Amino acid sequence: MHPRSTTMQALLAITALVWAGPSHGQPAPATAAKHPIPQALKFEHAEDAERLALLAKRPGAVGAAARKAIPLFQRHAAREAEFIMAPLALLPDLADGKVTPDMAWAVADADRVKAERERIFQEHTEVTDALNALITAAERAHDQDAKEFAEAAAADSLNDVEILEPMVLVIGDYLRGKLPAAH
């Protein structure tokens, strides 16, 4: 059984703190995105990172496979936070037909996704390979929890490749067509 409700409550509390801004006058972390990221995607990454960290503490092949996956996941999650996920936060406004000049930044992010598409795909392949190794280790160890997590995380990676990243490109093209030529 997964502690999803407890994890979700913790993530909601963390998100509330993040949205409230830095405390005690301290600057935001250097890795903070320039634009808001959809909360659902932040929750997903935080939960995956937490689960991988817990699995990495396990002995044997499951722990070893999780430890190998962590740096790959972290590197790719940082890239996604840097320029892939933020344009997706515009979707509710775009669905309502709202386009404003202050959305022009998303065109540059979309262009970067397009330019780095092969590299992004390679990272997804590396993450998926690491998750497949975790699935194999979990099957051999009869660790259903680890197996289910790795399968779900691999499906999330596929979702990124098939839906989220192409949607960023669609957002960029849509904004390019709707914003004045100066943008």
C-alpha atoms as a PDB file:
ATOM      1  CA  MET A   1       0.000   0.000   0.000  1.00  0.00           C
ATOM      2  CA  HIS A   2       1.359   3.412  -0.975  1.00  0.00           C
ATOM      3  CA  PRO A   3       1.396   6.324   1.466  1.00  0.00           C
ATOM      4  CA  ARG A   4       0.002   8.547  -1.316  1.00  0.00           C
ATOM      5  CA  SER A   5      -2.320  10.577   0.878  1.00  0.00           C
ATOM      6  CA  THR A   6       0.441  11.352   3.375  1.00  0.00           C
ATOM      7  CA  THR A   7       2.847  12.118   0.553  1.00  0.00           C
ATOM      8  CA  MET A   8       0.285  14.310  -1.176  1.00  0.00           C
ATOM      9  CA  GLN A   9      -0.391  16.216   2.059  1.00  0.00           C
ATOM     10  CA  ALA A  10       3.329  16.799   2.513  1.00  0.00           C
ATOM     11  CA  LEU A  11       3.692  17.928  -1.093  1.00  0.00           C
ATOM     12  CA  LEU A  12       0.747  20.305  -0.724  1.00  0.00           C
ATOM     13  CA  ALA A  13       2.340  21.792   2.371  1.00  0.00           C
ATOM     14  CA  ILE A  14       5.679  22.189   0.594  1.00  0.00           C
ATOM     15  CA  THR A  15       3.972  23.733  -2.417  1.00  0.00           C
ATOM     16  CA  ALA A  16       2.145  26.196  -0.198  1.00  0.00           C
ATOM     17  CA  LEU A  17       5.486  27.246   1.258  1.00  0.00           C
ATOM     18  CA  VAL A  18       7.050  27.526  -2.200  1.00  0.00           C
ATOM     19  CA  TRP A  19       4.150  29.595  -3.538  1.00  0.00           C
ATOM     20  CA  ALA A  20       4.336  31.846  -0.469  1.00  0.00           C
ATOM     21  CA  GLY A  21       7.868  32.748  -1.489  1.00  0.00           C
ATOM     22  CA  PRO A  22      11.270  32.550   0.150  1.00  0.00           C
ATOM     23  CA  SER A  23      11.297  32.920   3.900  1.00  0.00           C
ATOM     24  CA  HIS A  24      13.415  35.200   6.039  1.00  0.00           C
ATOM     25  CA  GLY A  25      14.573  37.224   3.042  1.00  0.00           C
ATOM     26  CA  GLN A  26      16.580  34.348   1.609  1.00  0.00           C
ATOM     27  CA  PRO A  27      16.775  34.139  -2.178  1.00  0.00           C
ATOM     28  CA  ALA A  28      14.987  31.395  -4.054  1.00  0.00           C
ATOM     29  CA  PRO A  29      17.150  28.387  -4.958  1.00  0.00           C
ATOM     30  CA  ALA A  30      19.312  28.836  -8.049  1.00  0.00           C
ATOM     31  CA  THR A  31      17.496  25.959  -9.736  1.00  0.00           C
ATOM     32  CA  ALA A  32      14.094  27.610  -9.409  1.00  0.00           C
ATOM     33  CA  ALA A  33      12.270  27.970 -12.693  1.00  0.00           C
ATOM     34  CA  LYS A  34      11.857  31.437 -14.186  1.00  0.00           C
ATOM     35  CA  HIS A  35       8.122  30.830 -14.612  1.00  0.00           C
ATOM     36  CA  PRO A  36       5.611  28.801 -12.612  1.00  0.00           C
ATOM     37  CA  ILE A  37       5.443  25.089 -13.294  1.00  0.00           C
ATOM     38  CA  PRO A  38       2.106  23.234 -13.158  1.00  0.00           C
ATOM     39  CA  GLN A  39       1.664  21.942  -9.629  1.00  0.00           C
ATOM     40  CA  ALA A  40       0.696  18.464 -10.813  1.00  0.00           C
ATOM     41  CA  LEU A  41       4.063  18.117 -12.528  1.00  0.00           C
ATOM     42  CA  LYS A  42       5.934  19.431  -9.480  1.00  0.00           C
ATOM     43  CA  PHE A  43       4.077  16.930  -7.285  1.00  0.00           C
ATOM     44  CA  GLU A  44       4.885  14.103  -9.676  1.00  0.00           C
ATOM     45  CA  HIS A  45       8.604  14.905  -9.729  1.00  0.00           C
ATOM     46  CA  ALA A  46       8.755  15.370  -5.970  1.00  0.00           C
ATOM     47  CA  GLU A  47       6.966  12.091  -5.336  1.00  0.00           C
ATOM     48  CA  ASP A  48       9.180  10.215  -7.813  1.00  0.00           C
ATOM     49  CA  ALA A  49      12.323  11.680  -6.235  1.00  0.00           C
ATOM     50  CA  GLU A  50      11.085  10.734  -2.767  1.00  0.00           C
ATOM     51  CA  ARG A  51      10.227   7.191  -3.816  1.00  0.00           C
ATOM     52  CA  LEU A  52      13.572   6.699  -5.564  1.00  0.00           C
ATOM     53  CA  ALA A  53      15.389   7.946  -2.466  1.00  0.00           C
ATOM     54  CA  LEU A  54      13.491   5.471  -0.309  1.00  0.00           C
ATOM     55  CA  LEU A  55      14.136   2.615  -2.720  1.00  0.00           C
ATOM     56  CA  ALA A  56      17.834   3.547  -2.838  1.00  0.00           C
ATOM     57  CA  LYS A  57      18.056   2.791   0.886  1.00  0.00           C
ATOM     58  CA  ARG A  58      17.000  -0.810   0.333  1.00  0.00           C
ATOM     59  CA  PRO A  59      19.666  -3.473   0.373  1.00  0.00           C
ATOM     60  CA  GLY A  60      20.593  -5.560  -2.608  1.00  0.00           C
ATOM     61  CA  ALA A  61      19.872  -5.124  -6.280  1.00  0.00           C
ATOM     62  CA  VAL A  62      16.743  -3.006  -5.793  1.00  0.00           C
ATOM     63  CA  GLY A  63      18.649  -0.387  -3.805  1.00  0.00           C
ATOM     64  CA  ALA A  64      21.567  -0.476  -6.234  1.00  0.00           C
ATOM     65  CA  ALA A  65      19.272  -0.007  -9.241  1.00  0.00           C
ATOM     66  CA  ALA A  66      17.473   2.885  -7.545  1.00  0.00           C
ATOM     67  CA  ARG A  67      20.800   4.544  -6.682  1.00  0.00           C
ATOM     68  CA  LYS A  68      21.827   4.342 -10.344  1.00  0.00           C
ATOM     69  CA  ALA A  69      18.513   5.885 -11.436  1.00  0.00           C
ATOM     70  CA  ILE A  70      18.673   8.865  -9.067  1.00  0.00           C
ATOM     71  CA  PRO A  71      21.301  11.007 -10.854  1.00  0.00           C
ATOM     72  CA  LEU A  72      19.673  10.338 -14.243  1.00  0.00           C
ATOM     73  CA  PHE A  73      16.264  11.305 -12.879  1.00  0.00           C
ATOM     74  CA  GLN A  74      17.639  14.402 -11.128  1.00  0.00           C
ATOM     75  CA  ARG A  75      19.458  15.629 -14.225  1.00  0.00           C
ATOM     76  CA  HIS A  76      16.419  15.217 -16.422  1.00  0.00           C
ATOM     77  CA  ALA A  77      14.023  16.679 -13.840  1.00  0.00           C
ATOM     78  CA  ALA A  78      16.253  19.763 -13.615  1.00  0.00           C
ATOM     79  CA  ARG A  79      16.146  20.162 -17.410  1.00  0.00           C
ATOM     80  CA  GLU A  80      12.367  19.810 -17.413  1.00  0.00           C
ATOM     81  CA  ALA A  81      12.031  22.402 -14.652  1.00  0.00           C
ATOM     82  CA  GLU A  82      14.381  24.766 -16.477  1.00  0.00           C
ATOM     83  CA  PHE A  83      12.452  25.098 -19.746  1.00  0.00           C
ATOM     84  CA  ILE A  84      10.078  22.236 -20.543  1.00  0.00           C
ATOM     85  CA  MET A  85       7.336  22.313 -17.915  1.00  0.00           C
ATOM     86  CA  ALA A  86       6.687  26.038 -17.436  1.00  0.00           C
ATOM     87  CA  PRO A  87       4.991  26.617 -20.829  1.00  0.00           C
ATOM     88  CA  LEU A  88       2.458  23.954 -19.843  1.00  0.00           C
ATOM     89  CA  ALA A  89       1.238  26.258 -17.070  1.00  0.00           C
ATOM     90  CA  LEU A  90      -0.174  28.502 -19.809  1.00  0.00           C
ATOM     91  CA  LEU A  91      -2.592  25.817 -21.038  1.00  0.00           C
ATOM     92  CA  PRO A  92      -5.607  26.891 -18.914  1.00  0.00           C
ATOM     93  CA  ASP A  93      -5.353  30.471 -20.208  1.00  0.00           C
ATOM     94  CA  LEU A  94      -4.739  29.334 -23.778  1.00  0.00           C
ATOM     95  CA  ALA A  95      -7.736  26.984 -23.568  1.00  0.00           C
ATOM     96  CA  ASP A  96      -9.813  30.016 -22.540  1.00  0.00           C
ATOM     97  CA  GLY A  97      -8.526  31.929 -25.576  1.00  0.00           C
ATOM     98  CA  LYS A  98      -6.347  34.244 -23.497  1.00  0.00           C
ATOM     99  CA  VAL A  99      -3.058  35.244 -25.111  1.00  0.00           C
ATOM    100  CA  THR A 100      -1.052  38.137 -23.730  1.00  0.00           C
ATOM    101  CA  PRO A 101       2.339  39.607 -24.672  1.00  0.00           C
ATOM    102  CA  ASP A 102       3.807  38.497 -21.345  1.00  0.00           C
ATOM    103  CA  MET A 103       3.496  34.882 -22.575  1.00  0.00           C
ATOM    104  CA  ALA A 104       6.177  35.422 -25.225  1.00  0.00           C
ATOM    105  CA  TRP A 105       8.810  33.781 -23.025  1.00  0.00           C
ATOM    106  CA  ALA A 106       7.133  30.420 -23.735  1.00  0.00           C
ATOM    107  CA  VAL A 107       8.041  30.708 -27.433  1.00  0.00           C
ATOM    108  CA  ALA A 108      11.736  30.759 -26.504  1.00  0.00           C
ATOM    109  CA  ASP A 109      11.263  27.763 -24.192  1.00  0.00           C
ATOM    110  CA  ALA A 110       9.446  25.864 -26.948  1.00  0.00           C
ATOM    111  CA  ASP A 111      12.211  26.701 -29.403  1.00  0.00           C
ATOM    112  CA  ARG A 112      14.720  25.315 -26.926  1.00  0.00           C
ATOM    113  CA  VAL A 113      12.696  22.115 -26.547  1.00  0.00           C
ATOM    114  CA  LYS A 114      12.695  21.775 -30.333  1.00  0.00           C
ATOM    115  CA  ALA A 115      16.448  22.431 -30.554  1.00  0.00           C
ATOM    116  CA  GLU A 116      17.263  19.950 -27.772  1.00  0.00           C
ATOM    117  CA  ARG A 117      14.680  17.331 -28.646  1.00  0.00           C
ATOM    118  CA  GLU A 118      17.209  14.615 -29.445  1.00  0.00           C
ATOM    119  CA  ARG A 119      19.116  15.250 -26.210  1.00  0.00           C
ATOM    120  CA  ILE A 120      15.877  15.238 -24.206  1.00  0.00           C
ATOM    121  CA  PHE A 121      14.837  11.966 -25.855  1.00  0.00           C
ATOM    122  CA  GLN A 122      18.244  10.465 -24.997  1.00  0.00           C
ATOM    123  CA  GLU A 123      17.778  11.449 -21.353  1.00  0.00           C
ATOM    124  CA  HIS A 124      14.345   9.832 -21.316  1.00  0.00           C
ATOM    125  CA  THR A 125      15.892   6.697 -22.798  1.00  0.00           C
ATOM    126  CA  GLU A 126      18.547   6.638 -20.067  1.00  0.00           C
ATOM    127  CA  VAL A 127      15.962   7.172 -17.323  1.00  0.00           C
ATOM    128  CA  THR A 128      13.696   4.489 -18.800  1.00  0.00           C
ATOM    129  CA  ASP A 129      16.611   2.049 -19.088  1.00  0.00           C
ATOM    130  CA  ALA A 130      17.440   2.675 -15.414  1.00  0.00           C
ATOM    131  CA  LEU A 131      13.796   2.156 -14.469  1.00  0.00           C
ATOM    132  CA  ASN A 132      13.690  -1.059 -16.493  1.00  0.00           C
ATOM    133  CA  ALA A 133      16.740  -2.253 -14.541  1.00  0.00           C
ATOM    134  CA  LEU A 134      14.868  -1.391 -11.346  1.00  0.00           C
ATOM    135  CA  ILE A 135      11.848  -3.373 -12.586  1.00  0.00           C
ATOM    136  CA  THR A 136      14.072  -6.377 -13.282  1.00  0.00           C
ATOM    137  CA  ALA A 137      15.751  -6.128  -9.867  1.00  0.00           C
ATOM    138  CA  ALA A 138      12.361  -5.773  -8.183  1.00  0.00           C
ATOM    139  CA  GLU A 139      10.954  -8.804 -10.013  1.00  0.00           C
ATOM    140  CA  ARG A 140      13.945 -10.914  -8.974  1.00  0.00           C
ATOM    141  CA  ALA A 141      13.595  -9.700  -5.379  1.00  0.00           C
ATOM    142  CA  HIS A 142       9.810 -10.193  -5.431  1.00  0.00           C
ATOM    143  CA  ASP A 143       9.478  -6.512  -4.465  1.00  0.00           C
ATOM    144  CA  GLN A 144       6.074  -5.578  -5.861  1.00  0.00           C
ATOM    145  CA  ASP A 145       6.185  -2.035  -4.453  1.00  0.00           C
ATOM    146  CA  ALA A 146       9.461  -1.218  -6.226  1.00  0.00           C
ATOM    147  CA  LYS A 147       8.235  -2.857  -9.422  1.00  0.00           C
ATOM    148  CA  GLU A 148       4.972  -0.886  -9.454  1.00  0.00           C
ATOM    149  CA  PHE A 149       6.788   2.381  -8.817  1.00  0.00           C
ATOM    150  CA  ALA A 150       9.323   1.767 -11.584  1.00  0.00           C
ATOM    151  CA  GLU A 151       6.604   0.792 -14.062  1.00  0.00           C
ATOM    152  CA  ALA A 152       4.597   3.927 -13.252  1.00  0.00           C
ATOM    153  CA  ALA A 153       7.681   6.139 -13.478  1.00  0.00           C
ATOM    154  CA  ALA A 154       8.597   4.615 -16.850  1.00  0.00           C
ATOM    155  CA  ALA A 155       5.040   5.319 -18.057  1.00  0.00           C
ATOM    156  CA  ASP A 156       5.404   8.929 -16.868  1.00  0.00           C
ATOM    157  CA  SER A 157       8.593   9.234 -18.897  1.00  0.00           C
ATOM    158  CA  LEU A 158       6.771   7.937 -21.958  1.00  0.00           C
ATOM    159  CA  ASN A 159       3.976  10.457 -21.286  1.00  0.00           C
ATOM    160  CA  ASP A 160       6.571  13.236 -21.345  1.00  0.00           C
ATOM    161  CA  VAL A 161       7.909  12.104 -24.732  1.00  0.00           C
ATOM    162  CA  GLU A 162       4.545  11.437 -26.351  1.00  0.00           C
ATOM    163  CA  ILE A 163       2.393  14.224 -24.892  1.00  0.00           C
ATOM    164  CA  LEU A 164       4.013  16.893 -22.709  1.00  0.00           C
ATOM    165  CA  GLU A 165       7.045  17.803 -24.793  1.00  0.00           C
ATOM    166  CA  PRO A 166       5.111  17.882 -28.101  1.00  0.00           C
ATOM    167  CA  MET A 167       2.500  20.046 -26.353  1.00  0.00           C
ATOM    168  CA  VAL A 168       5.218  22.565 -25.474  1.00  0.00           C
ATOM    169  CA  LEU A 169       6.037  22.758 -29.193  1.00  0.00           C
ATOM    170  CA  VAL A 170       2.341  23.281 -29.996  1.00  0.00           C
ATOM    171  CA  ILE A 171       2.167  26.044 -27.365  1.00  0.00           C
ATOM    172  CA  GLY A 172       5.180  27.770 -28.924  1.00  0.00           C
ATOM    173  CA  ASP A 173       3.722  27.592 -32.435  1.00  0.00           C
ATOM    174  CA  TYR A 174       0.314  28.767 -31.205  1.00  0.00           C
ATOM    175  CA  LEU A 175       1.786  31.757 -29.380  1.00  0.00           C
ATOM    176  CA  ARG A 176       4.029  32.585 -32.325  1.00  0.00           C
ATOM    177  CA  GLY A 177       0.906  32.790 -34.491  1.00  0.00           C
ATOM    178  CA  LYS A 178      -1.102  34.827 -31.991  1.00  0.00           C
ATOM    179  CA  LEU A 179       1.460  37.295 -30.659  1.00  0.00           C
ATOM    180  CA  PRO A 180       2.605  40.360 -32.589  1.00  0.00           C
ATOM    181  CA  ALA A 181       5.601  39.749 -34.867  1.00  0.00           C
ATOM    182  CA  ALA A 182       7.911  41.584 -32.463  1.00  0.00           C
ATOM    183  CA  HIS A 183       7.687  38.577 -30.118  1.00  0.00           C
END
